[in-house]
Protein backbone atom coordinates (compact mmCIF):
# COMPACT_ATOMS: atom_id res chain seq x y z
CA MET A 1 -36.81 26.91 -20.24
CA SER A 2 -38.27 24.43 -22.21
CA ARG A 3 -41.34 23.53 -19.82
CA ALA A 4 -42.03 27.12 -19.39
CA ILE A 5 -42.63 27.73 -23.40
CA SER A 6 -44.48 24.32 -23.37
CA GLN A 7 -46.66 25.36 -20.79
CA GLU A 8 -46.90 28.88 -22.46
CA ILE A 9 -48.23 27.35 -25.99
CA LEU A 10 -50.67 25.16 -24.03
CA GLU A 11 -51.94 28.75 -22.56
CA SER A 12 -52.33 30.05 -25.88
CA MET A 13 -54.79 26.79 -27.34
CA ASP A 14 -57.58 27.50 -28.41
CA THR A 15 -58.53 23.75 -27.23
CA GLY A 16 -58.41 22.59 -23.56
CA VAL A 17 -55.77 20.59 -22.32
CA LEU A 18 -56.09 18.57 -19.29
CA ALA A 19 -53.02 16.26 -18.19
CA PHE A 20 -53.26 13.49 -16.12
CA ASP A 21 -50.79 11.43 -14.00
CA ARG A 22 -50.23 7.52 -14.14
CA THR A 23 -52.49 7.32 -10.84
CA GLY A 24 -55.55 9.63 -12.65
CA ILE A 25 -54.93 13.22 -10.91
CA MET A 26 -54.98 15.91 -12.80
CA VAL A 27 -51.37 17.97 -13.19
CA PHE A 28 -52.47 20.56 -15.35
CA ALA A 29 -55.09 22.36 -17.41
CA ASN A 30 -54.91 25.29 -19.04
CA ALA A 31 -57.45 28.17 -19.67
CA ALA A 32 -59.15 26.70 -22.60
CA ALA A 33 -60.25 23.68 -20.55
CA CYS A 34 -60.98 25.88 -17.80
CA GLN A 35 -63.13 28.12 -19.65
CA ILE A 36 -65.37 25.43 -21.23
CA LEU A 37 -66.06 23.22 -18.58
CA HIS A 38 -66.73 26.32 -16.06
CA VAL A 39 -64.41 25.27 -13.59
CA SER A 40 -61.58 27.28 -11.96
CA PRO A 41 -57.76 26.12 -12.26
CA GLU A 42 -57.72 25.70 -8.40
CA ASP A 43 -60.58 23.08 -8.51
CA LEU A 44 -59.01 20.86 -11.33
CA VAL A 45 -55.61 20.40 -10.72
CA GLY A 46 -54.73 17.91 -7.98
CA SER A 47 -57.96 15.95 -8.39
CA SER A 48 -58.60 12.41 -9.73
CA LEU A 49 -62.59 13.69 -11.03
CA THR A 50 -63.85 10.91 -8.99
CA GLY A 51 -67.55 11.60 -8.19
CA SER A 52 -67.92 14.77 -10.49
CA GLU A 53 -70.97 14.80 -12.26
CA GLY A 54 -72.08 15.86 -16.69
CA ILE A 55 -68.98 16.17 -18.53
CA LEU A 56 -66.45 16.05 -15.60
CA ALA A 57 -67.81 12.48 -14.94
CA ARG A 58 -67.18 11.65 -18.97
CA CYS A 59 -63.74 13.06 -19.00
CA HIS A 60 -62.44 10.71 -15.32
CA GLU A 61 -63.92 8.00 -17.21
CA MET A 62 -62.28 8.17 -20.16
CA ILE A 63 -59.22 8.79 -18.83
CA GLN A 64 -59.64 5.78 -16.28
CA GLN A 65 -60.04 3.73 -19.72
CA VAL A 66 -56.99 4.65 -21.38
CA LEU A 67 -54.82 4.50 -18.31
CA ARG A 68 -55.99 0.96 -18.20
CA THR A 69 -55.35 -0.05 -21.86
CA PHE A 70 -52.90 2.71 -23.25
CA GLU A 71 -55.38 2.78 -25.89
CA PRO A 72 -56.70 6.60 -27.50
CA SER A 73 -60.17 7.27 -26.75
CA ILE A 74 -62.59 9.72 -28.70
CA GLN A 75 -65.86 10.55 -27.73
CA THR A 76 -68.63 13.54 -28.36
CA TRP A 77 -70.55 15.32 -25.58
CA GLN A 78 -73.96 16.77 -25.93
CA GLU A 79 -75.72 19.01 -23.29
CA ARG A 80 -78.40 21.56 -24.07
CA GLN A 81 -76.87 23.52 -27.11
CA MET A 82 -73.19 22.72 -26.00
CA TYR A 83 -71.17 20.21 -28.25
CA LEU A 84 -67.52 19.07 -27.11
CA ASP A 85 -64.97 16.65 -29.01
CA LEU A 86 -63.30 14.66 -26.16
CA SER A 87 -59.98 12.77 -27.31
CA VAL A 88 -57.81 11.18 -24.75
CA LYS A 89 -53.97 10.01 -25.63
CA PRO A 90 -51.45 7.87 -23.35
CA TRP A 91 -48.79 10.54 -22.49
CA LYS A 92 -45.18 9.63 -23.26
CA GLU A 93 -44.65 6.16 -22.16
CA ARG A 94 -47.33 5.13 -19.77
CA GLU A 95 -46.69 8.07 -17.50
CA GLY A 96 -50.54 9.27 -17.65
CA ALA A 97 -52.66 10.58 -20.33
CA ILE A 98 -53.38 14.10 -21.69
CA LEU A 99 -57.57 14.75 -22.92
CA PHE A 100 -58.06 17.36 -25.85
CA ILE A 101 -61.38 19.46 -25.27
CA GLN A 102 -62.25 21.27 -28.14
CA ASP A 103 -65.70 23.41 -28.54
CA LYS A 104 -67.99 22.66 -31.87
CA THR A 105 -70.90 24.04 -30.54
CA ALA A 106 -70.46 27.14 -33.24
CA GLN A 107 -69.71 24.82 -35.87
CA ARG A 108 -72.77 22.61 -34.77
CA GLY A 109 -74.63 25.46 -34.93
CA LEU A 110 -73.58 26.35 -38.49
CA LEU A 111 -74.43 22.90 -39.45
CA GLU A 112 -77.54 23.13 -38.04
CA ARG A 113 -78.50 26.56 -39.34
CA ASP A 114 -77.40 25.45 -42.96
CA LYS A 115 -79.27 22.17 -42.77
CA GLN A 116 -82.51 23.73 -41.74
CA PHE A 117 -81.80 26.56 -44.78
CA ILE A 118 -81.62 23.91 -47.22
CA ALA A 119 -85.07 22.12 -45.59
CA ASN A 120 -86.96 25.27 -46.16
CA ALA A 121 -85.62 26.55 -49.55
CA SER A 122 -86.28 23.19 -51.11
CA HIS A 123 -90.30 23.38 -48.92
CA GLU A 124 -90.55 26.86 -50.68
CA LEU A 125 -89.34 26.16 -53.93
CA ARG A 126 -91.23 23.23 -54.48
CA THR A 127 -94.70 25.04 -53.61
CA PRO A 128 -94.46 27.49 -56.57
CA ILE A 129 -92.71 24.68 -58.78
CA THR A 130 -95.87 22.15 -58.09
CA ILE A 131 -98.46 25.11 -58.56
CA ILE A 132 -97.07 26.10 -62.33
CA GLN A 133 -96.86 22.33 -63.11
CA GLY A 134 -100.50 21.90 -62.07
CA PHE A 135 -101.67 24.49 -64.33
CA ALA A 136 -98.95 23.45 -67.26
CA GLU A 137 -101.24 19.88 -67.13
CA THR A 138 -104.52 21.26 -67.26
CA LEU A 139 -104.04 23.41 -70.38
CA CYS A 140 -102.37 20.27 -71.81
CA SER A 141 -105.29 17.95 -70.68
CA TYR A 142 -107.52 19.89 -71.47
CA PRO A 143 -107.04 21.54 -74.79
CA LYS A 144 -110.91 22.81 -75.32
CA LEU A 145 -110.88 25.28 -72.11
CA SER A 146 -112.33 28.53 -72.96
CA PRO A 147 -109.96 31.30 -73.56
CA GLY A 148 -111.41 32.95 -70.16
CA THR A 149 -110.40 29.99 -68.68
CA VAL A 150 -106.87 29.85 -70.47
CA GLY A 151 -106.63 33.58 -69.47
CA ASP A 152 -106.89 33.13 -65.96
CA ILE A 153 -104.49 30.03 -65.65
CA SER A 154 -102.17 31.72 -67.76
CA GLU A 155 -102.12 34.57 -65.22
CA LYS A 156 -101.66 32.63 -62.53
CA ILE A 157 -98.68 30.67 -64.11
CA ALA A 158 -97.05 33.85 -64.52
CA ARG A 159 -97.58 35.30 -60.98
CA THR A 160 -96.13 32.10 -60.04
CA SER A 161 -93.28 32.28 -61.85
CA LYS A 162 -92.30 35.61 -60.56
CA ARG A 163 -92.52 34.37 -57.08
CA LEU A 164 -90.30 31.21 -57.97
CA GLU A 165 -88.15 34.20 -59.62
CA ASN A 166 -88.33 36.42 -56.58
CA LEU A 167 -87.32 33.52 -54.35
CA VAL A 168 -84.13 31.96 -56.71
CA GLN A 169 -83.07 35.48 -56.75
CA SER A 170 -83.24 35.85 -53.13
CA LEU A 171 -81.53 32.91 -52.40
CA LEU A 172 -78.59 34.00 -55.21
CA THR A 173 -78.33 37.56 -53.23
CA LEU A 174 -78.00 35.60 -49.76
CA SER A 175 -75.04 33.15 -51.31
CA LYS A 176 -73.28 36.26 -52.67
CA ILE A 177 -73.48 37.78 -49.22
CA ASP A 178 -72.12 34.98 -47.75
CA HIS A 179 -68.94 35.12 -50.07
CA PHE A 180 -68.76 39.28 -49.06
CA SER A 181 -65.19 40.95 -49.78
CA GLU A 182 -63.48 43.41 -47.62
CA GLU A 183 -61.95 44.73 -51.31
CA LYS A 184 -65.36 46.11 -52.05
CA LEU A 185 -65.47 48.19 -48.69
CA ARG A 186 -64.99 52.17 -49.51
CA GLU A 187 -66.57 55.67 -47.73
CA VAL A 188 -70.09 55.73 -48.93
CA GLY A 189 -72.01 58.78 -47.60
CA LEU A 190 -75.71 57.82 -45.87
CA ILE A 191 -77.55 60.63 -47.68
CA GLU A 192 -76.54 59.62 -50.90
CA ILE A 193 -77.65 55.67 -50.32
CA ALA A 194 -80.89 57.48 -49.28
CA HIS A 195 -81.81 59.36 -52.19
CA HIS A 196 -80.41 56.37 -54.61
CA CYS A 197 -82.85 54.16 -53.46
CA LYS A 198 -85.45 57.15 -52.93
CA HIS A 199 -84.96 57.35 -56.38
CA LEU A 200 -85.18 53.21 -57.41
CA VAL A 201 -88.36 52.68 -55.62
CA LEU A 202 -90.00 55.69 -56.88
CA SER A 203 -89.38 54.34 -60.65
CA SER A 204 -91.85 51.35 -59.48
CA HIS A 205 -93.90 53.16 -56.69
CA PRO A 206 -94.83 56.50 -57.88
CA GLU A 207 -97.35 56.67 -55.58
CA ALA A 208 -95.52 56.48 -52.55
CA ARG A 209 -94.25 59.45 -50.87
CA ILE A 210 -91.00 59.04 -49.19
CA THR A 211 -89.40 61.97 -47.62
CA ILE A 212 -85.39 61.59 -46.22
CA PHE A 213 -83.82 64.06 -43.23
CA GLY A 214 -80.78 63.64 -41.69
CA SER A 215 -77.05 64.56 -41.65
CA PRO A 216 -75.34 65.23 -45.12
CA ASP A 217 -71.80 64.56 -43.54
CA LEU A 218 -72.38 60.71 -42.18
CA PHE A 219 -70.29 58.58 -44.14
CA ILE A 220 -69.45 54.66 -43.16
CA ARG A 221 -67.36 52.40 -44.58
CA ALA A 222 -69.73 49.98 -47.03
CA ASP A 223 -70.22 47.67 -50.19
CA PRO A 224 -72.67 50.23 -51.64
CA GLN A 225 -74.39 47.76 -53.92
CA LEU A 226 -75.32 45.61 -50.69
CA LEU A 227 -76.14 48.75 -48.78
CA ASP A 228 -78.66 49.85 -51.63
CA LEU A 229 -79.94 46.37 -51.40
CA ALA A 230 -80.50 46.86 -47.53
CA VAL A 231 -82.22 49.99 -47.36
CA MET A 232 -84.10 48.96 -50.77
CA ASN A 233 -85.54 46.26 -49.16
CA LEU A 234 -86.57 47.86 -45.98
CA LEU A 235 -88.03 50.48 -48.38
CA GLU A 236 -90.12 47.59 -50.33
CA ASN A 237 -91.59 45.82 -46.89
CA ALA A 238 -92.86 49.82 -46.00
CA ILE A 239 -94.70 49.76 -49.10
CA LYS A 240 -95.86 46.74 -49.31
CA TYR A 241 -97.23 46.61 -45.64
CA SER A 242 -98.57 50.10 -45.78
CA LEU A 243 -102.15 51.11 -47.19
CA SER A 244 -101.66 53.09 -50.76
CA PRO A 245 -100.35 55.64 -51.30
CA ALA A 246 -97.49 54.57 -48.72
CA ASN A 247 -95.69 57.62 -46.53
CA LEU A 248 -92.53 56.72 -45.41
CA ARG A 249 -89.79 58.66 -43.50
CA ILE A 250 -86.28 58.14 -43.48
CA GLU A 251 -84.15 59.52 -40.91
CA ILE A 252 -80.25 60.01 -41.01
CA HIS A 253 -78.34 60.33 -37.67
CA GLN A 254 -75.55 60.04 -35.22
CA ARG A 255 -75.77 58.38 -32.05
CA ALA A 256 -72.79 58.07 -30.10
CA GLN A 257 -69.74 56.45 -32.57
CA ASN A 258 -72.79 54.77 -34.72
CA ALA A 259 -74.24 56.11 -37.74
CA LEU A 260 -78.48 55.30 -38.16
CA ILE A 261 -80.66 55.06 -40.78
CA GLU A 262 -84.29 54.93 -39.97
CA VAL A 263 -87.22 53.75 -41.82
CA ARG A 264 -90.22 54.64 -40.83
CA ASP A 265 -94.15 54.05 -42.18
CA GLN A 266 -97.62 54.58 -41.32
CA GLY A 267 -98.37 51.19 -42.13
CA ILE A 268 -100.84 48.04 -40.60
CA GLY A 269 -97.48 47.36 -37.98
CA ILE A 270 -96.20 44.33 -36.99
CA PRO A 271 -97.67 42.12 -34.00
CA ALA A 272 -95.95 41.83 -30.66
CA ILE A 273 -95.98 38.24 -31.17
CA ASP A 274 -94.08 38.13 -34.44
CA LEU A 275 -91.11 40.85 -33.59
CA PRO A 276 -88.15 38.24 -32.16
CA SER A 277 -88.39 36.41 -35.41
CA ILE A 278 -88.85 39.00 -37.92
CA PHE A 279 -85.77 38.92 -39.49
CA ASP A 280 -85.43 35.01 -39.73
CA ARG A 281 -85.21 33.33 -42.61
CA PHE A 282 -88.53 32.45 -44.34
CA TYR A 283 -90.18 33.60 -41.29
CA LYS A 284 -93.87 35.01 -42.71
CA VAL A 285 -96.05 37.53 -40.62
CA ASP A 286 -99.62 35.53 -40.05
CA ARG A 287 -101.09 36.51 -43.28
CA GLN A 288 -104.66 37.23 -41.35
CA GLN A 289 -102.68 40.37 -40.11
CA SER A 290 -100.63 41.21 -43.32
CA SER A 291 -103.93 41.34 -45.18
CA GLY A 292 -103.12 38.47 -47.55
CA ILE A 293 -99.80 39.45 -48.54
CA LYS A 294 -97.60 36.95 -50.09
CA GLY A 295 -93.71 37.55 -49.91
CA VAL A 296 -90.92 34.57 -49.72
CA GLY A 297 -89.96 35.52 -46.11
CA LEU A 298 -86.23 36.52 -47.07
CA GLY A 299 -86.26 40.39 -47.39
CA LEU A 300 -85.63 41.56 -43.94
CA SER A 301 -82.76 38.52 -43.26
CA ILE A 302 -81.15 39.86 -46.52
CA VAL A 303 -81.30 43.05 -44.41
CA LYS A 304 -79.52 41.70 -41.17
CA GLU A 305 -77.32 39.31 -42.91
CA ILE A 306 -75.83 42.73 -45.22
CA VAL A 307 -76.23 44.81 -42.02
CA LYS A 308 -73.91 42.26 -39.81
CA LYS A 309 -71.36 42.18 -43.09
CA HIS A 310 -70.50 45.64 -42.04
CA GLN A 311 -70.23 45.14 -38.32
CA GLY A 312 -73.58 46.95 -37.05
CA SER A 313 -76.99 45.78 -35.86
CA VAL A 314 -80.71 45.94 -37.45
CA SER A 315 -83.66 45.95 -34.95
CA VAL A 316 -87.52 47.22 -35.21
CA SER A 317 -90.16 48.80 -33.23
CA SER A 318 -94.17 48.86 -34.24
CA GLN A 319 -97.37 48.86 -33.28
CA VAL A 320 -100.07 47.47 -35.21
CA ASN A 321 -102.63 49.77 -37.36
CA VAL A 322 -100.01 52.87 -36.46
CA GLY A 323 -96.87 51.80 -38.40
CA SER A 324 -92.92 50.41 -37.82
CA VAL A 325 -89.33 51.62 -37.48
CA PHE A 326 -86.88 49.87 -38.64
CA THR A 327 -83.25 50.85 -37.47
CA ILE A 328 -79.89 49.65 -39.26
CA SER A 329 -76.78 51.28 -37.32
CA PHE A 330 -72.93 50.89 -38.63
CA PRO A 331 -69.53 52.55 -37.15
CA VAL A 332 -69.13 55.33 -38.21
CA VAL A 333 -66.38 56.91 -40.08
CA LYS A 334 -64.89 60.73 -40.76
CA LYS A 335 -65.37 62.37 -44.20
CA ILE A 336 -61.98 62.13 -45.64
CA VAL A 337 -61.18 65.83 -47.11
């Protein structure tokens, strides 16, 4: 009975477990190990891994070393985008050895992403700070500059400071999204969100034309503030990349079990080469294609993160000089009567 329970526990583990007898023959392999190694139990159990290649050859070497020395061994295996932690320990009183395999690919990917984000954020922050510092030093070093020159430099400092403020605010927003709490989720109507965002956008872009179409009965579970932010970013982005006055259309409808919000514009469009990367952090479309428009490259990545936190998805279709359609999709819920 205890052996059956132990085997059941081993099979339920996320960590891969391989057990070998004192001669180096494998006597047990749990499901996690087979999945990580992409090998069936029939191909593993009963073999010594002699003559294997790649990760299996490394496992064989570690097992043989532990069977000779009876000393634990720990190594890391990296192949393409796969990262594994391997550890081998003697089994009982020199009756064999057990190898544990932990798949660290996801954690390593997050670590690399965080490192890249910090590097990109540092670079983006350094640029406006350097510009402001340079202009400030010019004003200090040349006190007799003409009023026109002083005014021009002051205007550039103010504009660059605003860009720096936007960048810091975007970074703080990403941090807020990372600490997303389901306690803030409530049932919200998408038409209500669309009209609220339209009102906010028109307060700062009164020349824009925004029309809303769709069902008033579509509801999702969401953090209203974050959902507002996602839709606002799409509208602001559409206006930024449209000739004035911007002509936008928000469509809300249901497809299967998903509620969709589509933001359509008649702007300059996005080149096909940029579409796969448009939601990446700090990614910016070639300025020759975007009429010199400057941004921090975080708006669409913020949309993506918000949508992902709500178990949704976001996509884009676009044609240069015709316009773009951004679509966000969420699981739909029924209205509570």
